[in-house]
Amino acid sequence: MTTIVGISGSLREHSFNAGLLRSAADAVPDGCSLSVNSIRGIPLYDGDVEAGEGIPPAVTDLKQKIKAADGLLLVTPEYNNGIPGVFKNAIDWFTRPPEESMGVFAGKPVGLIGATPGNFGTAFSQYAWLPVLRVLGTQVWSGRLLWVSGAMGKFDDQGNLTDDGVKRQLVKYMAGFSEFVGRMKA
């Protein structure tokens, strides 16, 4: 069984990206599982907090899930043409302490998808993630792109994906990404 950890980079419960992640979990092919996770509860990184209190439990829990999984799917919003600060903050926490960061990310297959109300999908955010993921030593899958634009017309008020075209794209994306992850773990 190929295991993928999915993380929505939005804090909002009914966000487009949380809904896209839930739909991705429904779209994985047989022989693959995708767990749905949130960055909710991860505090802003503060070295003094780390030194005094250690790594917060919300960070440790999700970091261990990433480490144990075969692949990682980042479902990223786009704020002001870039990476959402709260999402980057979570990834920064997962690299703490530094001596553990390579064990979490090194060689990990990573997929990037996202949804936004804007016209260009999350292209700018996804491109902005590339240098970060490169430094972490991940293997970013680029076999298919999924940038959902005009999200307000493709999700309902609860953040559920309603657009059949995007659902079909998501099935293709998840098939390709899970195949990539499977090849990387073999």
N, C-alpha and C. Protein backbone atom coordinates (compact mmCIF):
# COMPACT_ATOMS: atom_id res chain seq x y z
N MET A 1 0.85 -1.19 0.00
CA MET A 1 0.00 0.00 0.00
C MET A 1 0.89 1.24 0.00
N THR A 2 0.65 2.13 -0.92
CA THR A 2 1.35 3.41 -0.97
C THR A 2 0.61 4.39 -0.08
N THR A 3 1.36 5.03 0.83
CA THR A 3 0.74 5.97 1.76
C THR A 3 1.22 7.39 1.47
N ILE A 4 0.26 8.30 1.42
CA ILE A 4 0.55 9.71 1.17
C ILE A 4 -0.10 10.53 2.28
N VAL A 5 0.65 11.47 2.82
CA VAL A 5 0.12 12.43 3.78
C VAL A 5 -0.23 13.68 3.01
N GLY A 6 -1.47 14.13 3.14
CA GLY A 6 -1.91 15.36 2.51
C GLY A 6 -2.09 16.44 3.56
N ILE A 7 -1.64 17.65 3.24
CA ILE A 7 -1.77 18.77 4.19
C ILE A 7 -2.38 19.96 3.46
N SER A 8 -3.46 20.47 4.01
CA SER A 8 -4.06 21.71 3.51
C SER A 8 -3.34 22.88 4.16
N GLY A 9 -2.95 23.84 3.34
CA GLY A 9 -2.22 25.00 3.84
C GLY A 9 -3.11 26.14 4.27
N SER A 10 -4.37 25.88 4.47
CA SER A 10 -5.31 26.89 4.92
C SER A 10 -5.80 26.53 6.32
N LEU A 11 -6.02 27.53 7.14
CA LEU A 11 -6.54 27.28 8.49
C LEU A 11 -8.06 27.17 8.51
N ARG A 12 -8.71 27.72 7.49
CA ARG A 12 -10.18 27.74 7.46
C ARG A 12 -10.74 26.34 7.24
N GLU A 13 -11.66 25.93 8.06
CA GLU A 13 -12.24 24.58 7.98
C GLU A 13 -12.88 24.30 6.64
N HIS A 14 -13.62 25.25 6.11
CA HIS A 14 -14.33 25.05 4.84
C HIS A 14 -13.62 25.73 3.67
N SER A 15 -12.31 25.75 3.73
CA SER A 15 -11.54 26.40 2.67
C SER A 15 -11.58 25.58 1.39
N PHE A 16 -11.29 26.25 0.28
CA PHE A 16 -11.22 25.55 -1.01
C PHE A 16 -10.14 24.47 -0.97
N ASN A 17 -9.02 24.78 -0.32
CA ASN A 17 -7.91 23.83 -0.32
C ASN A 17 -8.15 22.65 0.60
N ALA A 18 -8.85 22.85 1.70
CA ALA A 18 -9.24 21.71 2.53
C ALA A 18 -10.20 20.81 1.76
N GLY A 19 -11.11 21.43 1.00
CA GLY A 19 -12.03 20.66 0.17
C GLY A 19 -11.32 19.93 -0.96
N LEU A 20 -10.33 20.58 -1.57
CA LEU A 20 -9.55 19.94 -2.62
C LEU A 20 -8.79 18.74 -2.06
N LEU A 21 -8.26 18.87 -0.87
CA LEU A 21 -7.56 17.75 -0.23
C LEU A 21 -8.51 16.60 0.05
N ARG A 22 -9.69 16.90 0.56
CA ARG A 22 -10.67 15.83 0.81
C ARG A 22 -11.03 15.12 -0.49
N SER A 23 -11.19 15.89 -1.56
CA SER A 23 -11.50 15.29 -2.85
C SER A 23 -10.33 14.46 -3.38
N ALA A 24 -9.11 14.91 -3.12
CA ALA A 24 -7.92 14.15 -3.52
C ALA A 24 -7.89 12.80 -2.81
N ALA A 25 -8.29 12.77 -1.54
CA ALA A 25 -8.33 11.51 -0.79
C ALA A 25 -9.35 10.55 -1.42
N ASP A 26 -10.43 11.10 -1.94
CA ASP A 26 -11.44 10.28 -2.61
C ASP A 26 -10.99 9.83 -4.00
N ALA A 27 -10.00 10.53 -4.57
CA ALA A 27 -9.58 10.28 -5.95
C ALA A 27 -8.38 9.35 -6.08
N VAL A 28 -7.80 8.91 -4.96
CA VAL A 28 -6.61 8.06 -5.07
C VAL A 28 -6.99 6.71 -5.67
N PRO A 29 -6.08 6.13 -6.44
CA PRO A 29 -6.36 4.82 -7.03
C PRO A 29 -6.26 3.70 -6.00
N ASP A 30 -6.73 2.53 -6.38
CA ASP A 30 -6.59 1.36 -5.51
C ASP A 30 -5.12 1.14 -5.19
N GLY A 31 -4.85 0.70 -3.98
CA GLY A 31 -3.48 0.44 -3.56
C GLY A 31 -2.79 1.66 -3.01
N CYS A 32 -3.54 2.74 -2.82
CA CYS A 32 -2.98 3.99 -2.31
C CYS A 32 -3.95 4.56 -1.28
N SER A 33 -3.38 5.17 -0.23
CA SER A 33 -4.21 5.89 0.74
C SER A 33 -3.64 7.28 0.93
N LEU A 34 -4.52 8.24 1.16
CA LEU A 34 -4.12 9.61 1.41
C LEU A 34 -4.81 10.08 2.68
N SER A 35 -4.02 10.46 3.68
CA SER A 35 -4.60 10.98 4.92
C SER A 35 -4.76 12.49 4.81
N VAL A 36 -5.85 12.99 5.34
CA VAL A 36 -6.20 14.41 5.29
C VAL A 36 -5.75 15.06 6.59
N ASN A 37 -4.89 16.09 6.47
CA ASN A 37 -4.33 16.76 7.64
C ASN A 37 -4.40 18.26 7.49
N SER A 38 -4.34 18.94 8.63
CA SER A 38 -4.42 20.39 8.68
C SER A 38 -3.24 20.94 9.48
N ILE A 39 -2.91 22.20 9.23
CA ILE A 39 -1.88 22.87 10.01
C ILE A 39 -2.47 23.63 11.20
N ARG A 40 -3.76 23.49 11.38
CA ARG A 40 -4.42 24.14 12.51
C ARG A 40 -3.77 23.67 13.82
N GLY A 41 -3.50 24.60 14.70
CA GLY A 41 -2.90 24.26 16.00
C GLY A 41 -1.38 24.37 16.02
N ILE A 42 -0.77 24.60 14.88
CA ILE A 42 0.69 24.77 14.85
C ILE A 42 0.98 26.25 15.11
N PRO A 43 1.71 26.55 16.18
CA PRO A 43 1.96 27.96 16.51
C PRO A 43 3.01 28.57 15.59
N LEU A 44 3.11 29.90 15.63
CA LEU A 44 4.19 30.57 14.92
C LEU A 44 5.52 30.10 15.49
N TYR A 45 6.49 29.89 14.60
CA TYR A 45 7.79 29.42 15.07
C TYR A 45 8.45 30.50 15.92
N ASP A 46 8.97 30.06 17.06
CA ASP A 46 9.69 30.95 17.98
C ASP A 46 10.78 30.10 18.62
N GLY A 47 12.03 30.43 18.32
CA GLY A 47 13.16 29.68 18.86
C GLY A 47 13.18 29.64 20.38
N ASP A 48 12.67 30.70 21.02
CA ASP A 48 12.62 30.71 22.48
C ASP A 48 11.61 29.68 22.99
N VAL A 49 10.48 29.55 22.30
CA VAL A 49 9.50 28.53 22.68
C VAL A 49 10.10 27.14 22.49
N GLU A 50 10.77 26.94 21.36
CA GLU A 50 11.40 25.65 21.11
C GLU A 50 12.42 25.32 22.19
N ALA A 51 13.26 26.29 22.56
CA ALA A 51 14.29 26.06 23.57
C ALA A 51 13.68 25.82 24.95
N GLY A 52 12.61 26.53 25.27
CA GLY A 52 12.03 26.44 26.60
C GLY A 52 11.02 25.32 26.79
N GLU A 53 10.24 25.05 25.74
CA GLU A 53 9.15 24.09 25.87
C GLU A 53 9.29 22.88 24.97
N GLY A 54 10.21 22.96 24.01
CA GLY A 54 10.37 21.87 23.06
C GLY A 54 9.46 22.02 21.86
N ILE A 55 9.41 20.98 21.05
CA ILE A 55 8.59 20.99 19.85
C ILE A 55 7.13 20.77 20.25
N PRO A 56 6.21 21.62 19.80
CA PRO A 56 4.80 21.46 20.16
C PRO A 56 4.23 20.12 19.67
N PRO A 57 3.32 19.52 20.44
CA PRO A 57 2.74 18.23 20.05
C PRO A 57 2.11 18.23 18.66
N ALA A 58 1.45 19.31 18.25
CA ALA A 58 0.83 19.35 16.92
C ALA A 58 1.88 19.22 15.83
N VAL A 59 3.05 19.79 16.06
CA VAL A 59 4.16 19.70 15.11
C VAL A 59 4.71 18.28 15.09
N THR A 60 4.98 17.74 16.28
CA THR A 60 5.56 16.39 16.38
C THR A 60 4.66 15.36 15.72
N ASP A 61 3.36 15.46 15.96
CA ASP A 61 2.41 14.49 15.41
C ASP A 61 2.43 14.49 13.89
N LEU A 62 2.30 15.67 13.29
CA LEU A 62 2.25 15.75 11.84
C LEU A 62 3.61 15.43 11.22
N LYS A 63 4.68 15.84 11.87
CA LYS A 63 6.02 15.54 11.38
C LYS A 63 6.25 14.03 11.33
N GLN A 64 5.80 13.31 12.34
CA GLN A 64 5.96 11.85 12.36
C GLN A 64 5.13 11.19 11.25
N LYS A 65 3.95 11.74 10.98
CA LYS A 65 3.13 11.22 9.88
C LYS A 65 3.84 11.39 8.54
N ILE A 66 4.43 12.57 8.34
CA ILE A 66 5.16 12.83 7.09
C ILE A 66 6.33 11.87 6.96
N LYS A 67 7.07 11.73 8.04
CA LYS A 67 8.26 10.87 8.04
C LYS A 67 7.90 9.42 7.70
N ALA A 68 6.78 8.94 8.22
CA ALA A 68 6.37 7.55 8.02
C ALA A 68 5.74 7.29 6.65
N ALA A 69 5.24 8.34 6.00
CA ALA A 69 4.53 8.18 4.73
C ALA A 69 5.50 8.00 3.56
N ASP A 70 4.97 7.42 2.50
CA ASP A 70 5.76 7.27 1.28
C ASP A 70 5.84 8.56 0.48
N GLY A 71 4.81 9.42 0.59
CA GLY A 71 4.77 10.66 -0.17
C GLY A 71 4.03 11.75 0.58
N LEU A 72 4.15 12.98 0.09
CA LEU A 72 3.55 14.15 0.72
C LEU A 72 2.86 14.99 -0.34
N LEU A 73 1.60 15.33 -0.11
CA LEU A 73 0.83 16.19 -1.00
C LEU A 73 0.55 17.51 -0.28
N LEU A 74 1.11 18.60 -0.82
CA LEU A 74 0.86 19.93 -0.26
C LEU A 74 -0.24 20.58 -1.08
N VAL A 75 -1.32 20.94 -0.41
CA VAL A 75 -2.46 21.58 -1.06
C VAL A 75 -2.42 23.05 -0.64
N THR A 76 -1.89 23.87 -1.53
CA THR A 76 -1.51 25.22 -1.15
C THR A 76 -2.45 26.30 -1.66
N PRO A 77 -2.90 27.15 -0.77
CA PRO A 77 -3.55 28.38 -1.23
C PRO A 77 -2.49 29.30 -1.84
N GLU A 78 -2.95 30.41 -2.36
CA GLU A 78 -2.03 31.44 -2.85
C GLU A 78 -2.48 32.76 -2.28
N TYR A 79 -1.61 33.37 -1.50
CA TYR A 79 -1.92 34.68 -0.91
C TYR A 79 -0.98 35.71 -1.51
N ASN A 80 -1.53 36.72 -2.16
CA ASN A 80 -0.72 37.79 -2.75
C ASN A 80 0.39 37.25 -3.64
N ASN A 81 0.02 36.28 -4.48
CA ASN A 81 0.92 35.65 -5.44
C ASN A 81 2.06 34.87 -4.80
N GLY A 82 1.87 34.37 -3.59
CA GLY A 82 2.95 33.63 -2.95
C GLY A 82 2.46 32.56 -2.00
N ILE A 83 3.42 32.01 -1.26
CA ILE A 83 3.16 30.96 -0.28
C ILE A 83 2.47 31.58 0.93
N PRO A 84 1.41 30.97 1.44
CA PRO A 84 0.81 31.46 2.68
C PRO A 84 1.80 31.33 3.84
N GLY A 85 1.95 32.38 4.61
CA GLY A 85 2.89 32.38 5.73
C GLY A 85 2.65 31.26 6.72
N VAL A 86 1.38 30.95 7.01
CA VAL A 86 1.09 29.91 7.99
C VAL A 86 1.53 28.53 7.49
N PHE A 87 1.46 28.32 6.18
CA PHE A 87 1.87 27.03 5.61
C PHE A 87 3.40 26.90 5.65
N LYS A 88 4.10 27.95 5.25
CA LYS A 88 5.56 27.94 5.30
C LYS A 88 6.02 27.78 6.75
N ASN A 89 5.34 28.42 7.68
CA ASN A 89 5.66 28.30 9.10
C ASN A 89 5.59 26.84 9.55
N ALA A 90 4.56 26.13 9.12
CA ALA A 90 4.42 24.72 9.51
C ALA A 90 5.59 23.90 8.98
N ILE A 91 5.95 24.12 7.71
CA ILE A 91 7.08 23.39 7.14
C ILE A 91 8.36 23.73 7.90
N ASP A 92 8.52 25.00 8.27
CA ASP A 92 9.70 25.39 9.05
C ASP A 92 9.75 24.65 10.38
N TRP A 93 8.62 24.50 11.06
CA TRP A 93 8.57 23.74 12.31
C TRP A 93 8.99 22.29 12.08
N PHE A 94 8.57 21.70 10.94
CA PHE A 94 8.88 20.29 10.68
C PHE A 94 10.38 20.06 10.49
N THR A 95 11.14 21.14 10.28
CA THR A 95 12.59 21.01 10.13
C THR A 95 13.32 21.17 11.46
N ARG A 96 12.59 21.26 12.53
CA ARG A 96 13.17 21.44 13.86
C ARG A 96 13.11 20.12 14.64
N PRO A 97 14.11 19.77 15.40
CA PRO A 97 15.44 20.35 15.38
C PRO A 97 16.15 20.00 14.07
N PRO A 98 17.14 20.81 13.67
CA PRO A 98 17.77 20.66 12.35
C PRO A 98 18.31 19.26 12.06
N GLU A 99 18.82 18.61 13.05
CA GLU A 99 19.39 17.27 12.81
C GLU A 99 18.34 16.23 12.42
N GLU A 100 17.07 16.54 12.60
CA GLU A 100 15.99 15.62 12.22
C GLU A 100 15.37 15.96 10.86
N SER A 101 15.65 17.14 10.31
CA SER A 101 14.92 17.58 9.12
C SER A 101 15.18 16.70 7.90
N MET A 102 16.40 16.22 7.72
CA MET A 102 16.68 15.40 6.55
C MET A 102 15.90 14.08 6.61
N GLY A 103 15.69 13.55 7.78
CA GLY A 103 14.93 12.31 7.92
C GLY A 103 13.45 12.50 7.60
N VAL A 104 12.98 13.71 7.66
CA VAL A 104 11.57 13.99 7.37
C VAL A 104 11.38 14.19 5.86
N PHE A 105 12.26 14.97 5.25
CA PHE A 105 12.03 15.40 3.87
C PHE A 105 12.96 14.80 2.81
N ALA A 106 14.15 14.39 3.16
CA ALA A 106 15.14 13.97 2.16
C ALA A 106 14.60 12.84 1.29
N GLY A 107 14.56 13.09 -0.01
CA GLY A 107 14.09 12.09 -0.96
C GLY A 107 12.59 11.87 -0.99
N LYS A 108 11.84 12.57 -0.16
CA LYS A 108 10.39 12.39 -0.08
C LYS A 108 9.72 12.89 -1.36
N PRO A 109 8.93 12.05 -2.03
CA PRO A 109 8.16 12.53 -3.18
C PRO A 109 7.08 13.51 -2.72
N VAL A 110 7.01 14.66 -3.39
CA VAL A 110 6.06 15.70 -3.02
C VAL A 110 5.26 16.12 -4.24
N GLY A 111 3.95 16.27 -4.04
CA GLY A 111 3.07 16.81 -5.06
C GLY A 111 2.51 18.14 -4.58
N LEU A 112 2.22 19.02 -5.52
CA LEU A 112 1.67 20.34 -5.22
C LEU A 112 0.40 20.56 -6.02
N ILE A 113 -0.68 20.90 -5.34
CA ILE A 113 -1.92 21.30 -5.99
C ILE A 113 -2.50 22.45 -5.19
N GLY A 114 -3.49 23.13 -5.72
CA GLY A 114 -4.11 24.20 -4.96
C GLY A 114 -5.26 24.85 -5.69
N ALA A 115 -6.05 25.58 -4.93
CA ALA A 115 -7.23 26.27 -5.46
C ALA A 115 -7.27 27.69 -4.92
N THR A 116 -7.75 28.60 -5.77
CA THR A 116 -7.87 30.00 -5.39
C THR A 116 -8.97 30.66 -6.21
N PRO A 117 -9.56 31.73 -5.70
CA PRO A 117 -10.56 32.46 -6.48
C PRO A 117 -9.96 33.18 -7.69
N GLY A 118 -8.66 33.42 -7.68
CA GLY A 118 -8.00 34.18 -8.74
C GLY A 118 -8.00 33.47 -10.08
N ASN A 119 -7.51 34.17 -11.10
CA ASN A 119 -7.53 33.68 -12.48
C ASN A 119 -6.40 32.73 -12.83
N PHE A 120 -5.33 32.72 -12.07
CA PHE A 120 -4.16 31.92 -12.43
C PHE A 120 -4.00 30.69 -11.56
N GLY A 121 -5.05 30.29 -10.86
CA GLY A 121 -4.92 29.15 -9.96
C GLY A 121 -3.87 29.46 -8.92
N THR A 122 -3.13 28.47 -8.52
CA THR A 122 -2.09 28.68 -7.51
C THR A 122 -0.70 28.53 -8.13
N ALA A 123 -0.57 28.92 -9.39
CA ALA A 123 0.69 28.78 -10.11
C ALA A 123 1.83 29.49 -9.39
N PHE A 124 1.62 30.74 -8.97
CA PHE A 124 2.70 31.49 -8.31
C PHE A 124 3.10 30.85 -6.99
N SER A 125 2.12 30.42 -6.23
CA SER A 125 2.41 29.77 -4.95
C SER A 125 3.17 28.46 -5.17
N GLN A 126 2.71 27.66 -6.14
CA GLN A 126 3.38 26.39 -6.39
C GLN A 126 4.82 26.60 -6.84
N TYR A 127 5.04 27.58 -7.71
CA TYR A 127 6.41 27.88 -8.14
C TYR A 127 7.26 28.38 -6.96
N ALA A 128 6.65 29.16 -6.07
CA ALA A 128 7.38 29.67 -4.91
C ALA A 128 7.80 28.56 -3.96
N TRP A 129 7.05 27.47 -3.95
CA TRP A 129 7.42 26.34 -3.09
C TRP A 129 8.67 25.61 -3.59
N LEU A 130 8.96 25.67 -4.88
CA LEU A 130 10.03 24.85 -5.46
C LEU A 130 11.40 25.06 -4.81
N PRO A 131 11.86 26.30 -4.59
CA PRO A 131 13.17 26.45 -3.93
C PRO A 131 13.18 25.91 -2.50
N VAL A 132 12.08 26.07 -1.80
CA VAL A 132 11.98 25.55 -0.43
C VAL A 132 12.08 24.03 -0.45
N LEU A 133 11.32 23.40 -1.33
CA LEU A 133 11.31 21.94 -1.39
C LEU A 133 12.64 21.39 -1.89
N ARG A 134 13.31 22.14 -2.75
CA ARG A 134 14.63 21.73 -3.24
C ARG A 134 15.63 21.73 -2.08
N VAL A 135 15.64 22.80 -1.28
CA VAL A 135 16.55 22.89 -0.13
C VAL A 135 16.31 21.76 0.86
N LEU A 136 15.05 21.35 1.00
CA LEU A 136 14.72 20.26 1.93
C LEU A 136 15.08 18.89 1.37
N GLY A 137 15.45 18.82 0.10
CA GLY A 137 15.88 17.56 -0.50
C GLY A 137 14.75 16.67 -0.98
N THR A 138 13.57 17.25 -1.19
CA THR A 138 12.43 16.45 -1.65
C THR A 138 12.55 16.17 -3.14
N GLN A 139 11.71 15.28 -3.62
CA GLN A 139 11.59 14.98 -5.04
C GLN A 139 10.21 15.45 -5.50
N VAL A 140 10.15 16.62 -6.11
CA VAL A 140 8.88 17.21 -6.51
C VAL A 140 8.42 16.58 -7.82
N TRP A 141 7.18 16.09 -7.82
CA TRP A 141 6.60 15.49 -9.02
C TRP A 141 6.07 16.59 -9.92
N SER A 142 6.48 16.56 -11.17
CA SER A 142 6.04 17.58 -12.11
C SER A 142 5.36 16.96 -13.34
N GLY A 143 4.88 15.75 -13.18
CA GLY A 143 4.26 15.05 -14.30
C GLY A 143 2.91 15.61 -14.72
N ARG A 144 2.24 16.32 -13.86
CA ARG A 144 0.93 16.91 -14.16
C ARG A 144 0.76 18.10 -13.23
N LEU A 145 0.12 19.14 -13.71
CA LEU A 145 -0.13 20.33 -12.90
C LEU A 145 -1.61 20.43 -12.58
N LEU A 146 -1.91 20.93 -11.39
CA LEU A 146 -3.30 21.15 -11.01
C LEU A 146 -3.41 22.46 -10.26
N TRP A 147 -3.85 23.49 -11.00
CA TRP A 147 -4.06 24.82 -10.46
C TRP A 147 -5.53 25.15 -10.66
N VAL A 148 -6.31 25.14 -9.61
CA VAL A 148 -7.74 25.40 -9.72
C VAL A 148 -7.97 26.90 -9.57
N SER A 149 -8.42 27.54 -10.65
CA SER A 149 -8.75 28.96 -10.62
C SER A 149 -10.27 29.13 -10.52
N GLY A 150 -10.70 30.32 -10.17
CA GLY A 150 -12.13 30.58 -10.07
C GLY A 150 -12.82 29.66 -9.09
N ALA A 151 -12.17 29.40 -7.97
CA ALA A 151 -12.65 28.39 -7.02
C ALA A 151 -14.05 28.67 -6.47
N MET A 152 -14.45 29.92 -6.40
CA MET A 152 -15.76 30.24 -5.84
C MET A 152 -16.88 29.55 -6.61
N GLY A 153 -16.68 29.29 -7.88
CA GLY A 153 -17.69 28.62 -8.68
C GLY A 153 -17.51 27.11 -8.77
N LYS A 154 -16.52 26.58 -8.07
CA LYS A 154 -16.21 25.16 -8.17
C LYS A 154 -16.33 24.42 -6.85
N PHE A 155 -16.63 25.15 -5.79
CA PHE A 155 -16.80 24.57 -4.45
C PHE A 155 -18.08 25.13 -3.85
N ASP A 156 -18.72 24.34 -2.99
CA ASP A 156 -19.92 24.85 -2.32
C ASP A 156 -19.53 25.61 -1.05
N ASP A 157 -20.52 26.06 -0.28
CA ASP A 157 -20.26 26.85 0.93
C ASP A 157 -19.52 26.08 2.01
N GLN A 158 -19.55 24.77 1.95
CA GLN A 158 -18.85 23.94 2.94
C GLN A 158 -17.44 23.57 2.47
N GLY A 159 -17.04 24.11 1.32
CA GLY A 159 -15.71 23.83 0.79
C GLY A 159 -15.62 22.51 0.04
N ASN A 160 -16.74 21.94 -0.34
CA ASN A 160 -16.72 20.68 -1.08
C ASN A 160 -16.60 20.96 -2.57
N LEU A 161 -15.74 20.21 -3.24
CA LEU A 161 -15.54 20.35 -4.67
C LEU A 161 -16.80 19.88 -5.39
N THR A 162 -17.34 20.72 -6.26
CA THR A 162 -18.56 20.38 -7.00
C THR A 162 -18.34 20.32 -8.51
N ASP A 163 -17.19 20.74 -8.99
CA ASP A 163 -16.92 20.82 -10.41
C ASP A 163 -16.43 19.48 -10.96
N ASP A 164 -17.20 18.90 -11.88
CA ASP A 164 -16.86 17.58 -12.42
C ASP A 164 -15.56 17.60 -13.23
N GLY A 165 -15.28 18.68 -13.91
CA GLY A 165 -14.04 18.79 -14.68
C GLY A 165 -12.82 18.74 -13.77
N VAL A 166 -12.87 19.48 -12.67
CA VAL A 166 -11.76 19.46 -11.71
C VAL A 166 -11.65 18.08 -11.06
N LYS A 167 -12.78 17.45 -10.78
CA LYS A 167 -12.74 16.10 -10.21
C LYS A 167 -12.03 15.13 -11.15
N ARG A 168 -12.29 15.24 -12.45
CA ARG A 168 -11.61 14.37 -13.42
C ARG A 168 -10.11 14.66 -13.46
N GLN A 169 -9.75 15.93 -13.42
CA GLN A 169 -8.33 16.31 -13.39
C GLN A 169 -7.66 15.75 -12.14
N LEU A 170 -8.38 15.81 -11.03
CA LEU A 170 -7.83 15.33 -9.76
C LEU A 170 -7.59 13.83 -9.79
N VAL A 171 -8.49 13.08 -10.39
CA VAL A 171 -8.30 11.62 -10.52
C VAL A 171 -7.02 11.34 -11.32
N LYS A 172 -6.82 12.05 -12.42
CA LYS A 172 -5.62 11.87 -13.23
C LYS A 172 -4.37 12.27 -12.46
N TYR A 173 -4.47 13.40 -11.76
CA TYR A 173 -3.32 13.87 -10.98
C TYR A 173 -2.93 12.83 -9.93
N MET A 174 -3.90 12.36 -9.17
CA MET A 174 -3.61 11.42 -8.09
C MET A 174 -3.11 10.08 -8.63
N ALA A 175 -3.59 9.65 -9.78
CA ALA A 175 -3.09 8.41 -10.39
C ALA A 175 -1.61 8.57 -10.73
N GLY A 176 -1.26 9.69 -11.36
CA GLY A 176 0.13 9.93 -11.73
C GLY A 176 1.02 10.12 -10.52
N PHE A 177 0.56 10.89 -9.55
CA PHE A 177 1.38 11.14 -8.36
C PHE A 177 1.57 9.85 -7.56
N SER A 178 0.53 9.07 -7.38
CA SER A 178 0.68 7.83 -6.60
C SER A 178 1.60 6.85 -7.32
N GLU A 179 1.57 6.84 -8.65
CA GLU A 179 2.49 5.99 -9.40
C GLU A 179 3.94 6.45 -9.18
N PHE A 180 4.16 7.77 -9.21
CA PHE A 180 5.48 8.34 -8.95
C PHE A 180 5.96 7.96 -7.55
N VAL A 181 5.09 8.11 -6.56
CA VAL A 181 5.45 7.77 -5.18
C VAL A 181 5.80 6.29 -5.08
N GLY A 182 4.99 5.45 -5.71
CA GLY A 182 5.26 4.01 -5.71
C GLY A 182 6.60 3.67 -6.32
N ARG A 183 6.95 4.33 -7.42
CA ARG A 183 8.26 4.09 -8.05
C ARG A 183 9.40 4.54 -7.14
N MET A 184 9.21 5.64 -6.44
CA MET A 184 10.26 6.17 -5.58
C MET A 184 10.50 5.28 -4.37
N LYS A 185 9.45 4.63 -3.88
CA LYS A 185 9.63 3.77 -2.70
C LYS A 185 10.16 2.39 -3.06
N ALA A 186 10.08 2.00 -4.33
CA ALA A 186 10.52 0.68 -4.76
C ALA A 186 12.03 0.56 -4.78
